[in-house]
């Protein structure tokens, strides 16, 4: 037995030493401040592989540029602002993000919930994030025109109004330029296909990039 241990010890030490750089890299990445994407199915890679979604593409770009941030996707398909408000405190406590990309409200709008209620929830989530020390980026959403201008107008306008009132960076419309190209939309007419996720990222990146250096 002693002879066996004597022979295996050098191999064990070699494997241990070779693993140390990878462990150090993983620990360093975990220490990076988080960019928390807190949204619904538009950010949750709905009906596609998670690696194809725009949040995964954002994570890849952050890594390729060697920026000292990690991306955490806390998006849930079907999420409303009520559900998001209930979940957010735990997400903030767990990930302690430096930046929160808040992308919610679409499911509320599809249910025809009062814009005043949606806005109140969004403002509360912004305040909670700021109290936790995070910079909030607000992602604007629009809903299909068949809901009528009396609802769709105020619904879409609330994001710009909140951003101005609370001094937030704004992504005017998360999937801007995509619904106008039906071939890039899934059959439901609401969610972009995998082929369009890079376009979503390009809508997000100019707004986010300005914060990453600061």
N, C-alpha and C. Protein backbone atom coordinates (compact mmCIF):
# COMPACT_ATOMS: atom_id res chain seq x y z
N UNK A 1 0.83 -1.20 0.00
CA UNK A 1 0.00 0.00 0.00
C UNK A 1 0.87 1.25 0.00
N UNK A 2 1.93 1.23 0.85
CA UNK A 2 2.82 2.39 0.89
C UNK A 2 3.50 2.59 -0.45
N UNK A 3 3.87 1.48 -1.10
CA UNK A 3 4.51 1.58 -2.40
C UNK A 3 3.57 2.21 -3.42
N UNK A 4 2.27 1.84 -3.36
CA UNK A 4 1.28 2.39 -4.29
C UNK A 4 1.12 3.89 -4.07
N UNK A 5 1.03 4.29 -2.79
CA UNK A 5 0.90 5.72 -2.50
C UNK A 5 2.13 6.49 -2.94
N UNK A 6 3.29 5.88 -2.77
CA UNK A 6 4.53 6.53 -3.17
C UNK A 6 4.55 6.79 -4.68
N UNK A 7 4.03 5.81 -5.44
CA UNK A 7 4.01 5.97 -6.90
C UNK A 7 2.97 6.99 -7.35
N UNK A 8 1.83 7.06 -6.65
CA UNK A 8 0.73 7.93 -7.08
C UNK A 8 0.89 9.38 -6.63
N UNK A 9 1.69 9.61 -5.60
CA UNK A 9 1.82 10.96 -5.07
C UNK A 9 2.31 11.98 -6.09
N UNK A 10 3.33 11.68 -6.89
CA UNK A 10 3.76 12.68 -7.89
C UNK A 10 2.67 13.02 -8.89
N UNK A 11 1.91 12.00 -9.32
CA UNK A 11 0.84 12.25 -10.28
C UNK A 11 -0.24 13.13 -9.65
N UNK A 12 -0.57 12.86 -8.40
CA UNK A 12 -1.58 13.65 -7.70
C UNK A 12 -1.14 15.11 -7.60
N UNK A 13 0.12 15.32 -7.23
CA UNK A 13 0.63 16.69 -7.10
C UNK A 13 0.62 17.41 -8.44
N UNK A 14 0.94 16.68 -9.51
CA UNK A 14 0.94 17.28 -10.85
C UNK A 14 -0.47 17.72 -11.23
N UNK A 15 -1.46 16.86 -10.98
CA UNK A 15 -2.85 17.21 -11.31
C UNK A 15 -3.33 18.37 -10.47
N UNK A 16 -2.94 18.40 -9.21
CA UNK A 16 -3.35 19.49 -8.34
C UNK A 16 -2.79 20.82 -8.81
N UNK A 17 -1.51 20.81 -9.16
CA UNK A 17 -0.88 22.06 -9.61
C UNK A 17 -1.46 22.53 -10.93
N UNK A 18 -1.78 21.60 -11.82
CA UNK A 18 -2.33 21.98 -13.12
C UNK A 18 -3.73 22.56 -12.97
N UNK A 19 -4.43 22.17 -11.91
CA UNK A 19 -5.80 22.67 -11.71
C UNK A 19 -5.82 24.04 -11.08
N UNK A 20 -4.76 24.42 -10.41
CA UNK A 20 -4.75 25.68 -9.68
C UNK A 20 -5.00 26.90 -10.56
N UNK A 21 -4.38 27.03 -11.74
CA UNK A 21 -4.66 28.22 -12.57
C UNK A 21 -6.12 28.33 -12.94
N UNK A 22 -6.77 27.17 -13.24
CA UNK A 22 -8.18 27.22 -13.62
C UNK A 22 -9.03 27.64 -12.43
N UNK A 23 -8.69 27.14 -11.25
CA UNK A 23 -9.43 27.53 -10.05
C UNK A 23 -9.27 29.01 -9.78
N UNK A 24 -8.05 29.52 -9.96
CA UNK A 24 -7.80 30.94 -9.74
C UNK A 24 -8.61 31.78 -10.71
N UNK A 25 -8.67 31.35 -11.99
CA UNK A 25 -9.44 32.09 -12.99
C UNK A 25 -10.92 32.10 -12.63
N UNK A 26 -11.45 30.95 -12.22
CA UNK A 26 -12.86 30.88 -11.85
C UNK A 26 -13.16 31.77 -10.66
N UNK A 27 -12.27 31.77 -9.67
CA UNK A 27 -12.48 32.60 -8.49
C UNK A 27 -12.44 34.07 -8.86
N UNK A 28 -11.51 34.45 -9.76
CA UNK A 28 -11.42 35.84 -10.19
C UNK A 28 -12.71 36.27 -10.88
N UNK A 29 -13.23 35.41 -11.77
CA UNK A 29 -14.47 35.75 -12.47
C UNK A 29 -15.62 35.91 -11.50
N UNK A 30 -15.68 35.05 -10.48
CA UNK A 30 -16.75 35.13 -9.51
C UNK A 30 -16.67 36.40 -8.68
N UNK A 31 -15.46 36.96 -8.56
CA UNK A 31 -15.29 38.19 -7.80
C UNK A 31 -15.65 39.42 -8.61
N UNK A 32 -15.79 39.29 -9.92
CA UNK A 32 -16.14 40.43 -10.75
C UNK A 32 -17.55 40.91 -10.40
N UNK A 33 -17.80 42.22 -10.46
CA UNK A 33 -19.15 42.72 -10.23
C UNK A 33 -20.11 42.18 -11.28
N UNK A 34 -21.35 41.99 -10.87
CA UNK A 34 -22.34 41.35 -11.74
C UNK A 34 -23.15 42.37 -12.52
N UNK A 35 -23.47 41.99 -13.75
CA UNK A 35 -24.50 42.66 -14.54
C UNK A 35 -25.70 41.74 -14.46
N UNK A 36 -26.74 42.14 -13.76
CA UNK A 36 -27.92 41.32 -13.56
C UNK A 36 -28.98 41.69 -14.59
N UNK A 37 -29.33 40.73 -15.44
CA UNK A 37 -30.41 40.93 -16.41
C UNK A 37 -31.68 40.38 -15.77
N UNK A 38 -32.63 41.26 -15.53
CA UNK A 38 -33.83 40.89 -14.78
C UNK A 38 -35.04 41.17 -15.67
N UNK A 39 -35.47 40.13 -16.36
CA UNK A 39 -36.53 40.34 -17.34
C UNK A 39 -37.47 39.16 -17.47
N UNK A 40 -38.11 39.10 -18.63
CA UNK A 40 -39.08 38.04 -18.91
C UNK A 40 -38.59 37.20 -20.08
N UNK A 41 -39.51 36.64 -20.86
CA UNK A 41 -39.13 35.71 -21.92
C UNK A 41 -38.29 36.36 -23.01
N UNK A 42 -38.38 37.66 -23.19
CA UNK A 42 -37.55 38.33 -24.19
C UNK A 42 -36.06 38.23 -23.85
N UNK A 43 -35.79 38.04 -22.56
CA UNK A 43 -34.39 37.90 -22.12
C UNK A 43 -34.06 36.50 -21.63
N UNK A 44 -35.04 35.61 -21.64
CA UNK A 44 -34.85 34.26 -21.09
C UNK A 44 -34.64 33.21 -22.17
N UNK A 45 -34.28 33.63 -23.38
CA UNK A 45 -34.02 32.69 -24.49
C UNK A 45 -35.22 31.78 -24.72
N UNK A 46 -36.38 32.37 -24.85
CA UNK A 46 -37.63 31.63 -25.01
C UNK A 46 -37.62 30.78 -26.28
N UNK A 47 -37.88 29.51 -26.12
CA UNK A 47 -37.97 28.52 -27.22
C UNK A 47 -36.69 28.45 -28.04
N UNK A 48 -35.57 28.59 -27.37
CA UNK A 48 -34.28 28.40 -28.05
C UNK A 48 -33.26 27.96 -27.02
N UNK A 49 -32.14 27.48 -27.49
CA UNK A 49 -31.07 27.12 -26.57
C UNK A 49 -30.60 28.37 -25.82
N UNK A 50 -30.35 28.22 -24.54
CA UNK A 50 -29.95 29.37 -23.72
C UNK A 50 -28.72 30.08 -24.29
N UNK A 51 -27.81 29.32 -24.88
CA UNK A 51 -26.58 29.90 -25.42
C UNK A 51 -26.85 30.79 -26.63
N UNK A 52 -28.06 30.70 -27.22
CA UNK A 52 -28.39 31.51 -28.38
C UNK A 52 -29.01 32.85 -28.01
N UNK A 53 -29.44 33.00 -26.76
CA UNK A 53 -30.12 34.22 -26.34
C UNK A 53 -29.19 35.42 -26.26
N UNK A 54 -29.78 36.59 -26.29
CA UNK A 54 -28.97 37.81 -26.30
C UNK A 54 -28.16 37.99 -25.01
N UNK A 55 -28.66 37.46 -23.91
CA UNK A 55 -27.92 37.60 -22.65
C UNK A 55 -26.65 36.75 -22.69
N UNK A 56 -26.75 35.55 -23.26
CA UNK A 56 -25.56 34.72 -23.43
C UNK A 56 -24.58 35.37 -24.39
N UNK A 57 -25.10 36.02 -25.43
CA UNK A 57 -24.22 36.74 -26.36
C UNK A 57 -23.54 37.92 -25.67
N UNK A 58 -24.26 38.57 -24.77
CA UNK A 58 -23.66 39.65 -23.98
C UNK A 58 -22.53 39.11 -23.11
N UNK A 59 -22.77 38.00 -22.46
CA UNK A 59 -21.74 37.39 -21.62
C UNK A 59 -20.50 37.06 -22.45
N UNK A 60 -20.72 36.54 -23.65
CA UNK A 60 -19.60 36.19 -24.53
C UNK A 60 -18.81 37.44 -24.92
N UNK A 61 -19.52 38.52 -25.22
CA UNK A 61 -18.82 39.75 -25.60
C UNK A 61 -18.02 40.31 -24.43
N UNK A 62 -18.61 40.29 -23.25
CA UNK A 62 -17.90 40.77 -22.05
C UNK A 62 -16.59 39.98 -21.87
N UNK A 63 -16.67 38.68 -22.05
CA UNK A 63 -15.48 37.83 -21.89
C UNK A 63 -14.45 38.09 -22.99
N UNK A 64 -14.93 38.23 -24.22
CA UNK A 64 -14.01 38.46 -25.34
C UNK A 64 -13.27 39.79 -25.18
N UNK A 65 -13.95 40.78 -24.64
CA UNK A 65 -13.33 42.09 -24.43
C UNK A 65 -12.55 42.15 -23.12
N UNK A 66 -12.58 41.05 -22.37
CA UNK A 66 -11.87 40.94 -21.09
C UNK A 66 -12.26 42.05 -20.13
N UNK A 67 -13.55 42.36 -20.11
CA UNK A 67 -14.06 43.37 -19.18
C UNK A 67 -14.32 42.71 -17.83
N UNK A 68 -14.03 43.40 -16.74
CA UNK A 68 -14.13 42.79 -15.42
C UNK A 68 -15.55 42.75 -14.87
N UNK A 69 -16.41 42.07 -15.60
CA UNK A 69 -17.80 41.91 -15.18
C UNK A 69 -18.23 40.48 -15.46
N UNK A 70 -19.24 40.02 -14.73
CA UNK A 70 -19.88 38.74 -15.02
C UNK A 70 -21.36 39.00 -15.26
N UNK A 71 -21.96 38.22 -16.12
CA UNK A 71 -23.36 38.41 -16.49
C UNK A 71 -24.20 37.34 -15.80
N UNK A 72 -25.25 37.77 -15.13
CA UNK A 72 -26.18 36.85 -14.46
C UNK A 72 -27.56 37.07 -15.07
N UNK A 73 -28.16 36.00 -15.57
CA UNK A 73 -29.49 36.11 -16.16
C UNK A 73 -30.52 35.59 -15.17
N UNK A 74 -31.31 36.51 -14.61
CA UNK A 74 -32.36 36.14 -13.68
C UNK A 74 -33.73 36.35 -14.31
N UNK A 75 -33.80 36.21 -15.63
CA UNK A 75 -35.05 36.40 -16.35
C UNK A 75 -35.91 35.13 -16.29
N UNK A 76 -37.22 35.32 -16.26
CA UNK A 76 -38.16 34.21 -16.17
C UNK A 76 -39.27 34.42 -17.20
N UNK A 77 -39.48 33.43 -18.06
CA UNK A 77 -40.54 33.53 -19.05
C UNK A 77 -41.90 33.68 -18.36
N UNK A 78 -42.70 34.59 -18.87
CA UNK A 78 -44.02 34.83 -18.31
C UNK A 78 -44.04 35.77 -17.13
N UNK A 79 -42.89 36.30 -16.74
CA UNK A 79 -42.81 37.15 -15.55
C UNK A 79 -43.56 38.46 -15.75
N UNK A 80 -44.25 38.88 -14.70
CA UNK A 80 -44.91 40.18 -14.66
C UNK A 80 -44.15 41.10 -13.71
N UNK A 81 -44.55 42.35 -13.67
CA UNK A 81 -43.88 43.26 -12.73
C UNK A 81 -44.20 42.90 -11.29
N UNK A 82 -45.38 42.33 -11.04
CA UNK A 82 -45.70 41.87 -9.68
C UNK A 82 -44.74 40.76 -9.26
N UNK A 83 -44.57 39.77 -10.16
CA UNK A 83 -43.65 38.67 -9.86
C UNK A 83 -42.22 39.14 -9.74
N UNK A 84 -41.82 40.06 -10.60
CA UNK A 84 -40.46 40.59 -10.55
C UNK A 84 -40.20 41.33 -9.26
N UNK A 85 -41.17 42.12 -8.82
CA UNK A 85 -41.01 42.88 -7.58
C UNK A 85 -40.86 41.93 -6.39
N UNK A 86 -41.56 40.81 -6.44
CA UNK A 86 -41.46 39.83 -5.35
C UNK A 86 -40.10 39.12 -5.36
N UNK A 87 -39.54 38.89 -6.55
CA UNK A 87 -38.29 38.14 -6.68
C UNK A 87 -37.04 38.99 -6.51
N UNK A 88 -37.16 40.27 -6.81
CA UNK A 88 -35.96 41.12 -6.93
C UNK A 88 -35.13 41.20 -5.65
N UNK A 89 -35.70 41.38 -4.47
CA UNK A 89 -34.84 41.50 -3.28
C UNK A 89 -33.88 40.33 -3.10
N UNK A 90 -34.35 39.11 -3.33
CA UNK A 90 -33.48 37.94 -3.18
C UNK A 90 -32.39 37.94 -4.24
N UNK A 91 -32.73 38.35 -5.47
CA UNK A 91 -31.73 38.39 -6.54
C UNK A 91 -30.66 39.42 -6.23
N UNK A 92 -31.06 40.57 -5.71
CA UNK A 92 -30.09 41.60 -5.35
C UNK A 92 -29.18 41.14 -4.21
N UNK A 93 -29.76 40.46 -3.22
CA UNK A 93 -28.98 39.99 -2.09
C UNK A 93 -28.01 38.89 -2.50
N UNK A 94 -28.43 38.05 -3.45
CA UNK A 94 -27.59 36.93 -3.88
C UNK A 94 -26.44 37.38 -4.77
N UNK A 95 -26.74 38.22 -5.74
CA UNK A 95 -25.74 38.55 -6.77
C UNK A 95 -25.04 39.88 -6.55
N UNK A 96 -25.60 40.74 -5.71
CA UNK A 96 -25.00 42.04 -5.41
C UNK A 96 -24.51 42.74 -6.68
N UNK A 97 -25.41 42.99 -7.63
CA UNK A 97 -24.99 43.51 -8.94
C UNK A 97 -24.52 44.95 -8.90
N UNK A 98 -23.61 45.25 -9.81
CA UNK A 98 -23.21 46.64 -10.03
C UNK A 98 -24.17 47.32 -11.00
N UNK A 99 -24.72 46.51 -11.92
CA UNK A 99 -25.65 47.01 -12.93
C UNK A 99 -26.84 46.07 -13.00
N UNK A 100 -28.03 46.64 -13.07
CA UNK A 100 -29.25 45.86 -13.30
C UNK A 100 -29.88 46.33 -14.59
N UNK A 101 -30.06 45.40 -15.53
CA UNK A 101 -30.82 45.70 -16.75
C UNK A 101 -32.24 45.22 -16.47
N UNK A 102 -33.16 46.16 -16.30
CA UNK A 102 -34.54 45.85 -15.93
C UNK A 102 -35.41 45.81 -17.18
N UNK A 103 -35.92 44.63 -17.48
CA UNK A 103 -36.72 44.43 -18.71
C UNK A 103 -38.00 43.70 -18.34
N UNK A 104 -38.97 44.45 -17.88
CA UNK A 104 -40.25 43.86 -17.49
C UNK A 104 -41.40 44.79 -17.88
N UNK A 105 -42.58 44.22 -17.89
CA UNK A 105 -43.78 44.98 -18.20
C UNK A 105 -44.55 44.44 -19.39
N UNK A 106 -43.85 43.70 -20.27
CA UNK A 106 -44.52 43.20 -21.47
C UNK A 106 -45.69 42.28 -21.16
N UNK A 107 -45.52 41.38 -20.21
CA UNK A 107 -46.61 40.46 -19.89
C UNK A 107 -47.77 41.17 -19.19
N UNK A 108 -47.45 42.21 -18.42
CA UNK A 108 -48.51 43.03 -17.84
C UNK A 108 -49.33 43.67 -18.96
N UNK A 109 -48.60 44.21 -19.96
CA UNK A 109 -49.28 44.87 -21.06
C UNK A 109 -50.15 43.93 -21.86
N UNK A 110 -49.65 42.72 -22.09
CA UNK A 110 -50.44 41.74 -22.85
C UNK A 110 -51.70 41.33 -22.10
N UNK A 111 -51.69 41.51 -20.79
CA UNK A 111 -52.88 41.21 -19.98
C UNK A 111 -53.76 42.43 -19.79
N UNK A 112 -53.32 43.56 -20.34
CA UNK A 112 -54.11 44.78 -20.23
C UNK A 112 -54.17 45.38 -18.85
N UNK A 113 -53.15 45.13 -18.03
CA UNK A 113 -53.14 45.68 -16.68
C UNK A 113 -52.94 47.20 -16.73
N UNK A 114 -53.43 47.91 -15.74
CA UNK A 114 -53.33 49.38 -15.75
C UNK A 114 -51.87 49.84 -15.83
N UNK A 115 -51.63 50.80 -16.69
CA UNK A 115 -50.27 51.32 -16.86
C UNK A 115 -49.77 51.92 -15.54
N UNK A 116 -50.66 52.53 -14.79
CA UNK A 116 -50.26 53.12 -13.51
C UNK A 116 -49.71 52.05 -12.56
N UNK A 117 -50.29 50.87 -12.58
CA UNK A 117 -49.83 49.77 -11.72
C UNK A 117 -48.47 49.26 -12.19
N UNK A 118 -48.31 49.11 -13.50
CA UNK A 118 -47.03 48.66 -14.06
C UNK A 118 -45.94 49.65 -13.71
N UNK A 119 -46.25 50.92 -13.89
CA UNK A 119 -45.26 51.96 -13.62
C UNK A 119 -44.85 51.98 -12.15
N UNK A 120 -45.80 51.83 -11.28
CA UNK A 120 -45.49 51.81 -9.86
C UNK A 120 -44.54 50.68 -9.51
N UNK A 121 -44.78 49.50 -10.09
CA UNK A 121 -43.90 48.36 -9.84
C UNK A 121 -42.51 48.59 -10.41
N UNK A 122 -42.43 49.13 -11.62
CA UNK A 122 -41.13 49.40 -12.23
C UNK A 122 -40.34 50.40 -11.39
N UNK A 123 -40.99 51.46 -10.96
CA UNK A 123 -40.31 52.47 -10.16
C UNK A 123 -39.82 51.88 -8.84
N UNK A 124 -40.62 50.99 -8.24
CA UNK A 124 -40.21 50.37 -6.99
C UNK A 124 -38.99 49.47 -7.21
N UNK A 125 -38.96 48.74 -8.33
CA UNK A 125 -37.81 47.88 -8.62
C UNK A 125 -36.56 48.70 -8.89
N UNK A 126 -36.72 49.83 -9.56
CA UNK A 126 -35.58 50.72 -9.77
C UNK A 126 -35.04 51.19 -8.42
N UNK A 127 -35.94 51.62 -7.55
CA UNK A 127 -35.53 52.13 -6.24
C UNK A 127 -34.83 51.06 -5.42
N UNK A 128 -35.36 49.83 -5.43
CA UNK A 128 -34.73 48.75 -4.68
C UNK A 128 -33.32 48.46 -5.20
N UNK A 129 -33.18 48.48 -6.52
CA UNK A 129 -31.86 48.24 -7.12
C UNK A 129 -30.87 49.33 -6.74
N UNK A 130 -31.33 50.57 -6.80
CA UNK A 130 -30.45 51.68 -6.45
C UNK A 130 -30.07 51.65 -4.97
N UNK A 131 -31.02 51.28 -4.12
CA UNK A 131 -30.73 51.17 -2.69
C UNK A 131 -29.70 50.08 -2.42
N UNK A 132 -29.65 49.07 -3.31
CA UNK A 132 -28.67 47.99 -3.18
C UNK A 132 -27.33 48.37 -3.81
N UNK A 133 -27.22 49.59 -4.34
CA UNK A 133 -25.96 50.07 -4.90
C UNK A 133 -25.77 49.81 -6.37
N UNK A 134 -26.82 49.44 -7.08
CA UNK A 134 -26.71 49.11 -8.50
C UNK A 134 -27.15 50.28 -9.38
N UNK A 135 -26.49 50.39 -10.52
CA UNK A 135 -26.92 51.31 -11.58
C UNK A 135 -27.97 50.57 -12.41
N UNK A 136 -29.11 51.20 -12.66
CA UNK A 136 -30.19 50.55 -13.39
C UNK A 136 -30.23 51.05 -14.82
N UNK A 137 -30.31 50.10 -15.75
CA UNK A 137 -30.59 50.39 -17.15
C UNK A 137 -32.01 49.90 -17.42
N UNK A 138 -32.87 50.77 -17.89
CA UNK A 138 -34.26 50.42 -18.14
C UNK A 138 -34.45 50.08 -19.60
N UNK A 139 -35.03 48.91 -19.85
CA UNK A 139 -35.28 48.46 -21.22
C UNK A 139 -36.75 48.69 -21.57
N UNK A 140 -37.00 49.51 -22.57
CA UNK A 140 -38.35 49.80 -22.99
C UNK A 140 -38.98 48.66 -23.77
N UNK A 141 -40.29 48.54 -23.62
CA UNK A 141 -41.07 47.48 -24.29
C UNK A 141 -42.25 48.13 -25.00
N UNK A 142 -42.63 47.57 -26.12
CA UNK A 142 -43.86 47.96 -26.80
C UNK A 142 -44.71 46.71 -27.00
N UNK A 143 -46.01 46.88 -27.02
CA UNK A 143 -46.91 45.75 -27.23
C UNK A 143 -47.64 45.93 -28.57
N UNK A 144 -48.19 44.84 -29.11
CA UNK A 144 -48.81 44.89 -30.45
C UNK A 144 -49.86 45.98 -30.58
N UNK A 145 -49.98 46.56 -31.77
CA UNK A 145 -50.90 47.70 -31.97
C UNK A 145 -52.37 47.34 -31.83
N UNK A 146 -52.71 46.04 -31.87
CA UNK A 146 -54.12 45.67 -31.78
C UNK A 146 -54.72 45.96 -30.39
N UNK A 147 -53.88 46.34 -29.43
CA UNK A 147 -54.40 46.74 -28.11
C UNK A 147 -54.94 48.16 -28.14
N UNK A 148 -54.72 48.86 -29.23
CA UNK A 148 -55.29 50.19 -29.39
C UNK A 148 -54.38 51.29 -28.87
N UNK A 149 -54.39 52.45 -29.55
CA UNK A 149 -53.47 53.53 -29.20
C UNK A 149 -53.71 54.11 -27.81
N UNK A 150 -54.93 54.02 -27.30
CA UNK A 150 -55.22 54.58 -25.98
C UNK A 150 -54.49 53.80 -24.88
N UNK A 151 -54.11 52.57 -25.19
CA UNK A 151 -53.35 51.78 -24.21
C UNK A 151 -51.88 51.66 -24.61
N UNK A 152 -51.62 51.35 -25.87
CA UNK A 152 -50.24 51.13 -26.29
C UNK A 152 -49.38 52.39 -26.18
N UNK A 153 -49.99 53.56 -26.41
CA UNK A 153 -49.24 54.81 -26.32
C UNK A 153 -48.70 55.07 -24.92
N UNK A 154 -49.59 55.15 -23.92
CA UNK A 154 -49.11 55.36 -22.55
C UNK A 154 -48.22 54.22 -22.05
N UNK A 155 -48.51 53.00 -22.51
CA UNK A 155 -47.68 51.87 -22.07
C UNK A 155 -46.24 52.06 -22.52
N UNK A 156 -46.03 52.34 -23.80
CA UNK A 156 -44.67 52.51 -24.32
C UNK A 156 -44.01 53.76 -23.74
N UNK A 157 -44.80 54.82 -23.54
CA UNK A 157 -44.24 56.09 -23.08
C UNK A 157 -43.73 56.04 -21.65
N UNK A 158 -44.28 55.12 -20.84
CA UNK A 158 -43.91 55.09 -19.42
C UNK A 158 -42.42 54.85 -19.22
N UNK A 159 -41.79 54.08 -20.11
CA UNK A 159 -40.36 53.76 -19.92
C UNK A 159 -39.50 55.00 -20.05
N UNK A 160 -39.77 55.81 -21.07
CA UNK A 160 -39.03 57.05 -21.23
C UNK A 160 -39.30 58.01 -20.09
N UNK A 161 -40.54 58.04 -19.63
CA UNK A 161 -40.89 58.94 -18.53
C UNK A 161 -40.20 58.52 -17.23
N UNK A 162 -40.17 57.22 -16.96
CA UNK A 162 -39.48 56.73 -15.75
C UNK A 162 -37.99 57.03 -15.85
N UNK A 163 -37.42 56.78 -17.03
CA UNK A 163 -35.98 57.01 -17.20
C UNK A 163 -35.63 58.48 -16.98
N UNK A 164 -36.46 59.36 -17.48
CA UNK A 164 -36.19 60.80 -17.30
C UNK A 164 -36.38 61.20 -15.84
N UNK A 165 -37.44 60.71 -15.24
CA UNK A 165 -37.76 61.07 -13.86
C UNK A 165 -36.70 60.57 -12.89
N UNK A 166 -36.17 59.35 -13.13
CA UNK A 166 -35.24 58.73 -12.19
C UNK A 166 -33.80 58.77 -12.71
N UNK A 167 -33.57 59.49 -13.80
CA UNK A 167 -32.23 59.69 -14.36
C UNK A 167 -31.56 58.36 -14.67
N UNK A 168 -32.20 57.57 -15.53
CA UNK A 168 -31.71 56.23 -15.87
C UNK A 168 -31.28 56.16 -17.33
N UNK A 169 -30.25 55.40 -17.63
CA UNK A 169 -29.97 55.06 -19.03
C UNK A 169 -31.14 54.24 -19.58
N UNK A 170 -31.54 54.52 -20.81
CA UNK A 170 -32.73 53.89 -21.39
C UNK A 170 -32.40 53.20 -22.70
N UNK A 171 -32.82 51.95 -22.82
CA UNK A 171 -32.88 51.25 -24.11
C UNK A 171 -34.29 51.50 -24.62
N UNK A 172 -34.49 52.35 -25.61
CA UNK A 172 -35.85 52.78 -25.97
C UNK A 172 -36.81 51.63 -26.26
N UNK A 173 -36.35 50.63 -27.02
CA UNK A 173 -37.20 49.47 -27.34
C UNK A 173 -36.27 48.28 -27.52
N UNK A 174 -36.35 47.32 -26.61
CA UNK A 174 -35.40 46.22 -26.57
C UNK A 174 -35.24 45.52 -27.91
N UNK A 175 -36.34 45.27 -28.61
CA UNK A 175 -36.26 44.50 -29.86
C UNK A 175 -36.51 45.40 -31.08
N UNK A 176 -36.10 46.62 -30.97
CA UNK A 176 -36.29 47.59 -32.05
C UNK A 176 -35.71 47.07 -33.37
N UNK A 177 -36.47 47.23 -34.45
CA UNK A 177 -36.02 46.83 -35.78
C UNK A 177 -36.30 45.38 -36.13
N UNK A 178 -36.77 44.61 -35.17
CA UNK A 178 -36.98 43.17 -35.42
C UNK A 178 -38.43 42.85 -35.79
N UNK A 179 -39.45 43.37 -35.08
CA UNK A 179 -40.83 43.04 -35.46
C UNK A 179 -41.20 43.45 -36.88
N UNK A 180 -40.47 44.45 -37.41
CA UNK A 180 -40.75 44.88 -38.78
C UNK A 180 -40.28 43.87 -39.82
N UNK A 181 -39.55 42.86 -39.37
CA UNK A 181 -39.07 41.80 -40.26
C UNK A 181 -39.66 40.47 -39.79
N UNK A 182 -40.84 40.10 -40.30
CA UNK A 182 -41.56 38.92 -39.81
C UNK A 182 -40.73 37.65 -39.81
N UNK A 183 -39.79 37.53 -40.74
CA UNK A 183 -38.98 36.32 -40.80
C UNK A 183 -38.06 36.18 -39.59
N UNK A 184 -37.87 37.27 -38.84
CA UNK A 184 -37.03 37.23 -37.65
C UNK A 184 -37.83 36.98 -36.37
N UNK A 185 -39.17 36.88 -36.51
CA UNK A 185 -40.02 36.69 -35.35
C UNK A 185 -40.53 35.25 -35.27
N UNK A 186 -40.72 34.77 -34.06
CA UNK A 186 -41.32 33.46 -33.87
C UNK A 186 -42.79 33.49 -34.27
N UNK A 187 -43.41 32.33 -34.31
CA UNK A 187 -44.78 32.23 -34.80
C UNK A 187 -45.77 33.05 -33.99
N UNK A 188 -45.45 33.32 -32.72
CA UNK A 188 -46.39 34.09 -31.89
C UNK A 188 -46.37 35.57 -32.22
N UNK A 189 -45.39 36.02 -33.01
CA UNK A 189 -45.31 37.42 -33.38
C UNK A 189 -44.83 38.32 -32.26
N UNK A 190 -44.36 37.74 -31.17
CA UNK A 190 -43.93 38.51 -30.00
C UNK A 190 -42.45 38.34 -29.72
N UNK A 191 -41.94 37.13 -29.90
CA UNK A 191 -40.56 36.82 -29.53
C UNK A 191 -39.66 36.71 -30.76
N UNK A 192 -38.50 37.36 -30.74
CA UNK A 192 -37.55 37.21 -31.84
C UNK A 192 -36.97 35.80 -31.90
N UNK A 193 -36.63 35.38 -33.09
CA UNK A 193 -35.99 34.08 -33.28
C UNK A 193 -34.52 34.15 -32.83
N UNK A 194 -33.89 32.99 -32.80
CA UNK A 194 -32.48 32.92 -32.43
C UNK A 194 -31.64 33.77 -33.37
N UNK A 195 -32.01 33.80 -34.66
CA UNK A 195 -31.24 34.55 -35.65
C UNK A 195 -31.24 36.06 -35.37
N UNK A 196 -32.20 36.54 -34.58
CA UNK A 196 -32.31 37.97 -34.31
C UNK A 196 -31.70 38.38 -32.97
N UNK A 197 -31.18 37.43 -32.21
CA UNK A 197 -30.68 37.76 -30.88
C UNK A 197 -29.48 38.69 -30.91
N UNK A 198 -28.67 38.58 -31.95
CA UNK A 198 -27.53 39.50 -32.06
C UNK A 198 -28.02 40.94 -32.27
N UNK A 199 -29.18 41.10 -32.92
CA UNK A 199 -29.75 42.44 -33.11
C UNK A 199 -30.24 43.00 -31.77
N UNK A 200 -30.79 42.13 -30.94
CA UNK A 200 -31.20 42.57 -29.60
C UNK A 200 -29.98 43.07 -28.83
N UNK A 201 -28.91 42.31 -28.90
CA UNK A 201 -27.68 42.72 -28.21
C UNK A 201 -27.21 44.07 -28.70
N UNK A 202 -27.30 44.32 -30.00
CA UNK A 202 -26.84 45.61 -30.53
C UNK A 202 -27.74 46.75 -30.09
N UNK A 203 -28.98 46.46 -29.72
CA UNK A 203 -29.84 47.50 -29.14
C UNK A 203 -29.44 47.82 -27.71
N UNK A 204 -28.91 46.81 -27.02
CA UNK A 204 -28.52 46.96 -25.62
C UNK A 204 -27.13 47.55 -25.47
N UNK A 205 -26.20 47.10 -26.33
CA UNK A 205 -24.78 47.35 -26.11
C UNK A 205 -24.40 48.83 -26.03
N UNK A 206 -24.87 49.70 -26.94
CA UNK A 206 -24.43 51.10 -26.86
C UNK A 206 -24.79 51.76 -25.52
N UNK A 207 -25.92 51.39 -24.96
CA UNK A 207 -26.34 51.97 -23.68
C UNK A 207 -25.51 51.38 -22.54
N UNK A 208 -25.32 50.08 -22.57
CA UNK A 208 -24.57 49.41 -21.51
C UNK A 208 -23.09 49.76 -21.55
N UNK A 209 -22.53 49.83 -22.74
CA UNK A 209 -21.08 50.05 -22.89
C UNK A 209 -20.64 51.34 -22.20
N UNK A 210 -21.49 52.34 -22.24
CA UNK A 210 -21.11 53.62 -21.64
C UNK A 210 -20.97 53.51 -20.12
N UNK A 211 -21.55 52.48 -19.52
CA UNK A 211 -21.46 52.32 -18.07
C UNK A 211 -20.28 51.45 -17.65
N UNK A 212 -19.81 50.60 -18.55
CA UNK A 212 -18.82 49.60 -18.17
C UNK A 212 -17.46 50.22 -17.86
N UNK A 213 -17.16 51.35 -18.47
CA UNK A 213 -15.90 52.00 -18.16
C UNK A 213 -15.91 52.76 -16.86
N UNK A 214 -17.12 53.03 -16.35
CA UNK A 214 -17.24 53.78 -15.09
C UNK A 214 -17.60 52.89 -13.95
